[in-house]
Amino acid sequence: MSMVGRNLMEPDPTLLPAEPEVTESLAAGEEPVDLAAKHPTSSLVWALLAEEALDSGYTVEGYAYARVGYHRGLDALRQNGWKGAGPVPWSHEPNRGFLRALAALGQAAAAIGETGEVQRITTFLADCDASAPEQIRTLRG
């Protein structure tokens, strides 16, 4: 097995478990607001609520939803072996809810002028997966 190109000091990527009940419910047209009560630990649900609120001009609500999704995601990451650093790849679809919540939190923090938080989030998101910000921009249009 070749280790060429891999930084041996970097932790293994953290891969969150799939949430089939959430993704199937969303695909069936169930609203994120209804799913939040059924699946309060899902970062994806909170990220969707945050994005919807921010897109509709509800900055404070978007900030609150994103903050919940971010914290629920940190809990999930820790439960799955994350030690506070290391890759959280966008390519692993179950990680996307956390990454989207983190990006939404950065967007909301920027909108309320919380510049220190924006910088921390920008760095954290890039440390998780440098491709995530562009992937999220593309996804959101």
C-alpha atoms as a PDB file:
ATOM      1  CA  MET A   1       0.000   0.000   0.000  1.00  0.00           C
ATOM      2  CA  SER A   2       1.457   3.318  -1.064  1.00  0.00           C
ATOM      3  CA  MET A   3       1.374   6.271   1.295  1.00  0.00           C
ATOM      4  CA  VAL A   4       2.934   8.678  -1.209  1.00  0.00           C
ATOM      5  CA  GLY A   5       1.290  12.074  -1.015  1.00  0.00           C
ATOM      6  CA  ARG A   6      -0.542  11.403   2.250  1.00  0.00           C
ATOM      7  CA  ASN A   7       0.396  13.488   5.255  1.00  0.00           C
ATOM      8  CA  LEU A   8       0.847  10.847   7.937  1.00  0.00           C
ATOM      9  CA  MET A   9       0.315  13.457  10.639  1.00  0.00           C
ATOM     10  CA  GLU A  10      -3.166  14.282   9.363  1.00  0.00           C
ATOM     11  CA  PRO A  11      -6.004  12.335  10.947  1.00  0.00           C
ATOM     12  CA  ASP A  12      -8.154  10.033   8.856  1.00  0.00           C
ATOM     13  CA  PRO A  13     -11.233  11.673   7.341  1.00  0.00           C
ATOM     14  CA  THR A  14     -14.351  11.644   9.483  1.00  0.00           C
ATOM     15  CA  LEU A  15     -17.313  10.062   7.724  1.00  0.00           C
ATOM     16  CA  LEU A  16     -20.691  10.667   9.297  1.00  0.00           C
ATOM     17  CA  PRO A  17     -23.347   7.958   9.058  1.00  0.00           C
ATOM     18  CA  ALA A  18     -26.135   8.229   6.514  1.00  0.00           C
ATOM     19  CA  GLU A  19     -29.564   9.472   7.598  1.00  0.00           C
ATOM     20  CA  PRO A  20     -31.871   7.480   5.317  1.00  0.00           C
ATOM     21  CA  GLU A  21     -35.060   8.501   7.144  1.00  0.00           C
ATOM     22  CA  VAL A  22     -34.177  12.168   6.674  1.00  0.00           C
ATOM     23  CA  THR A  23     -33.056  11.939   3.054  1.00  0.00           C
ATOM     24  CA  GLU A  24     -36.010   9.765   2.046  1.00  0.00           C
ATOM     25  CA  SER A  25     -38.462  12.121   3.771  1.00  0.00           C
ATOM     26  CA  LEU A  26     -36.920  15.132   2.017  1.00  0.00           C
ATOM     27  CA  ALA A  27     -37.048  13.323  -1.331  1.00  0.00           C
ATOM     28  CA  ALA A  28     -40.726  12.564  -0.682  1.00  0.00           C
ATOM     29  CA  GLY A  29     -41.395  16.289  -0.232  1.00  0.00           C
ATOM     30  CA  GLU A  30     -41.530  16.561   3.545  1.00  0.00           C
ATOM     31  CA  GLU A  31     -40.614  20.035   4.749  1.00  0.00           C
ATOM     32  CA  PRO A  32     -37.429  20.590   6.785  1.00  0.00           C
ATOM     33  CA  VAL A  33     -39.420  22.411   9.474  1.00  0.00           C
ATOM     34  CA  ASP A  34     -41.480  19.257  10.037  1.00  0.00           C
ATOM     35  CA  LEU A  35     -38.402  17.047   9.995  1.00  0.00           C
ATOM     36  CA  ALA A  36     -36.594  19.164  12.602  1.00  0.00           C
ATOM     37  CA  ALA A  37     -39.025  17.981  15.273  1.00  0.00           C
ATOM     38  CA  LYS A  38     -38.664  14.347  14.174  1.00  0.00           C
ATOM     39  CA  HIS A  39     -34.894  14.405  13.620  1.00  0.00           C
ATOM     40  CA  PRO A  40     -33.465  17.188  15.817  1.00  0.00           C
ATOM     41  CA  THR A  41     -29.921  15.806  15.600  1.00  0.00           C
ATOM     42  CA  SER A  42     -29.784  16.095  11.795  1.00  0.00           C
ATOM     43  CA  SER A  43     -27.416  18.837  10.661  1.00  0.00           C
ATOM     44  CA  LEU A  44     -28.885  18.574   7.176  1.00  0.00           C
ATOM     45  CA  VAL A  45     -32.360  19.539   8.355  1.00  0.00           C
ATOM     46  CA  TRP A  46     -31.025  22.546  10.280  1.00  0.00           C
ATOM     47  CA  ALA A  47     -28.805  23.555   7.346  1.00  0.00           C
ATOM     48  CA  LEU A  48     -31.801  23.511   4.998  1.00  0.00           C
ATOM     49  CA  LEU A  49     -33.801  25.630   7.436  1.00  0.00           C
ATOM     50  CA  ALA A  50     -30.885  28.061   7.737  1.00  0.00           C
ATOM     51  CA  GLU A  51     -30.445  28.363   3.980  1.00  0.00           C
ATOM     52  CA  GLU A  52     -34.167  28.904   3.463  1.00  0.00           C
ATOM     53  CA  ALA A  53     -34.306  31.582   6.169  1.00  0.00           C
ATOM     54  CA  LEU A  54     -31.221  33.374   4.855  1.00  0.00           C
ATOM     55  CA  ASP A  55     -32.497  33.243   1.271  1.00  0.00           C
ATOM     56  CA  SER A  56     -35.766  34.795   2.491  1.00  0.00           C
ATOM     57  CA  GLY A  57     -34.034  37.617   4.356  1.00  0.00           C
ATOM     58  CA  TYR A  58     -34.528  36.198   7.846  1.00  0.00           C
ATOM     59  CA  THR A  59     -30.947  36.668   8.974  1.00  0.00           C
ATOM     60  CA  VAL A  60     -31.357  36.131  12.715  1.00  0.00           C
ATOM     61  CA  GLU A  61     -33.472  33.019  12.215  1.00  0.00           C
ATOM     62  CA  GLY A  62     -30.965  31.729   9.666  1.00  0.00           C
ATOM     63  CA  TYR A  63     -28.164  32.329  12.138  1.00  0.00           C
ATOM     64  CA  ALA A  64     -30.029  30.409  14.849  1.00  0.00           C
ATOM     65  CA  TYR A  65     -30.844  27.458  12.569  1.00  0.00           C
ATOM     66  CA  ALA A  66     -27.256  27.341  11.294  1.00  0.00           C
ATOM     67  CA  ARG A  67     -25.877  27.474  14.830  1.00  0.00           C
ATOM     68  CA  VAL A  68     -28.042  24.489  15.845  1.00  0.00           C
ATOM     69  CA  GLY A  69     -26.961  22.545  12.746  1.00  0.00           C
ATOM     70  CA  TYR A  70     -23.331  23.361  13.436  1.00  0.00           C
ATOM     71  CA  HIS A  71     -23.503  22.165  17.043  1.00  0.00           C
ATOM     72  CA  ARG A  72     -25.465  19.036  16.135  1.00  0.00           C
ATOM     73  CA  GLY A  73     -22.807  18.359  13.514  1.00  0.00           C
ATOM     74  CA  LEU A  74     -19.967  18.793  15.996  1.00  0.00           C
ATOM     75  CA  ASP A  75     -21.708  16.290  18.276  1.00  0.00           C
ATOM     76  CA  ALA A  76     -22.030  13.815  15.402  1.00  0.00           C
ATOM     77  CA  LEU A  77     -18.420  14.313  14.321  1.00  0.00           C
ATOM     78  CA  ARG A  78     -17.152  13.654  17.850  1.00  0.00           C
ATOM     79  CA  GLN A  79     -19.354  10.558  18.129  1.00  0.00           C
ATOM     80  CA  ASN A  80     -17.723   9.289  14.948  1.00  0.00           C
ATOM     81  CA  GLY A  81     -14.113   9.687  16.007  1.00  0.00           C
ATOM     82  CA  TRP A  82     -13.329  13.297  15.137  1.00  0.00           C
ATOM     83  CA  LYS A  83     -10.827  14.787  17.577  1.00  0.00           C
ATOM     84  CA  GLY A  84     -11.301  18.462  16.756  1.00  0.00           C
ATOM     85  CA  ALA A  85      -9.304  18.529  13.542  1.00  0.00           C
ATOM     86  CA  GLY A  86      -8.961  16.687  10.292  1.00  0.00           C
ATOM     87  CA  PRO A  87     -10.813  16.229   7.042  1.00  0.00           C
ATOM     88  CA  VAL A  88     -14.600  16.109   6.807  1.00  0.00           C
ATOM     89  CA  PRO A  89     -14.887  15.428   3.071  1.00  0.00           C
ATOM     90  CA  TRP A  90     -17.708  16.867   0.988  1.00  0.00           C
ATOM     91  CA  SER A  91     -17.458  13.801  -1.249  1.00  0.00           C
ATOM     92  CA  HIS A  92     -19.041  11.736   1.558  1.00  0.00           C
ATOM     93  CA  GLU A  93     -22.679  12.791   1.205  1.00  0.00           C
ATOM     94  CA  PRO A  94     -23.674  12.398   4.904  1.00  0.00           C
ATOM     95  CA  ASN A  95     -21.026  15.038   5.779  1.00  0.00           C
ATOM     96  CA  ARG A  96     -22.762  17.641   3.638  1.00  0.00           C
ATOM     97  CA  GLY A  97     -25.377  18.629   6.213  1.00  0.00           C
ATOM     98  CA  PHE A  98     -22.681  19.672   8.664  1.00  0.00           C
ATOM     99  CA  LEU A  99     -20.656  21.458   5.985  1.00  0.00           C
ATOM    100  CA  ARG A 100     -23.752  23.298   4.732  1.00  0.00           C
ATOM    101  CA  ALA A 101     -24.700  24.317   8.284  1.00  0.00           C
ATOM    102  CA  LEU A 102     -21.165  25.609   8.797  1.00  0.00           C
ATOM    103  CA  ALA A 103     -21.293  27.599   5.551  1.00  0.00           C
ATOM    104  CA  ALA A 104     -24.724  29.007   6.431  1.00  0.00           C
ATOM    105  CA  LEU A 105     -23.410  30.028   9.837  1.00  0.00           C
ATOM    106  CA  GLY A 106     -20.597  31.916   8.105  1.00  0.00           C
ATOM    107  CA  GLN A 107     -23.070  33.618   5.776  1.00  0.00           C
ATOM    108  CA  ALA A 108     -25.305  34.635   8.678  1.00  0.00           C
ATOM    109  CA  ALA A 109     -22.364  35.794  10.784  1.00  0.00           C
ATOM    110  CA  ALA A 110     -21.204  37.981   7.894  1.00  0.00           C
ATOM    111  CA  ALA A 111     -24.685  39.457   7.563  1.00  0.00           C
ATOM    112  CA  ILE A 112     -24.697  40.556  11.206  1.00  0.00           C
ATOM    113  CA  GLY A 113     -21.128  41.844  11.139  1.00  0.00           C
ATOM    114  CA  GLU A 114     -19.543  39.142  13.280  1.00  0.00           C
ATOM    115  CA  THR A 115     -16.212  39.347  11.438  1.00  0.00           C
ATOM    116  CA  GLY A 116     -14.145  37.240  13.844  1.00  0.00           C
ATOM    117  CA  GLU A 117     -16.649  34.422  13.592  1.00  0.00           C
ATOM    118  CA  VAL A 118     -16.661  34.672   9.785  1.00  0.00           C
ATOM    119  CA  GLN A 119     -12.880  34.237   9.727  1.00  0.00           C
ATOM    120  CA  ARG A 120     -12.975  31.239  12.092  1.00  0.00           C
ATOM    121  CA  ILE A 121     -15.727  29.588  10.058  1.00  0.00           C
ATOM    122  CA  THR A 122     -13.972  30.252   6.746  1.00  0.00           C
ATOM    123  CA  THR A 123     -10.814  28.613   8.080  1.00  0.00           C
ATOM    124  CA  PHE A 124     -12.702  25.712   9.662  1.00  0.00           C
ATOM    125  CA  LEU A 125     -14.671  25.012   6.479  1.00  0.00           C
ATOM    126  CA  ALA A 126     -11.483  25.042   4.383  1.00  0.00           C
ATOM    127  CA  ASP A 127      -9.766  22.761   6.909  1.00  0.00           C
ATOM    128  CA  CYS A 128     -12.680  20.311   6.691  1.00  0.00           C
ATOM    129  CA  ASP A 129     -12.600  20.256   2.893  1.00  0.00           C
ATOM    130  CA  ALA A 130     -11.089  22.992   0.743  1.00  0.00           C
ATOM    131  CA  SER A 131     -13.570  22.157  -2.044  1.00  0.00           C
ATOM    132  CA  ALA A 132     -16.650  22.528   0.193  1.00  0.00           C
ATOM    133  CA  PRO A 133     -17.252  26.288  -0.208  1.00  0.00           C
ATOM    134  CA  GLU A 134     -17.329  26.037  -4.012  1.00  0.00           C
ATOM    135  CA  GLN A 135     -19.417  22.855  -3.900  1.00  0.00           C
ATOM    136  CA  ILE A 136     -21.962  24.592  -1.658  1.00  0.00           C
ATOM    137  CA  ARG A 137     -22.058  27.684  -3.896  1.00  0.00           C
ATOM    138  CA  THR A 138     -22.677  25.441  -6.908  1.00  0.00           C
ATOM    139  CA  LEU A 139     -25.352  23.451  -5.095  1.00  0.00           C
ATOM    140  CA  ARG A 140     -27.172  26.553  -3.924  1.00  0.00           C
ATOM    141  CA  GLY A 141     -26.921  28.267  -7.301  1.00  0.00           C
END
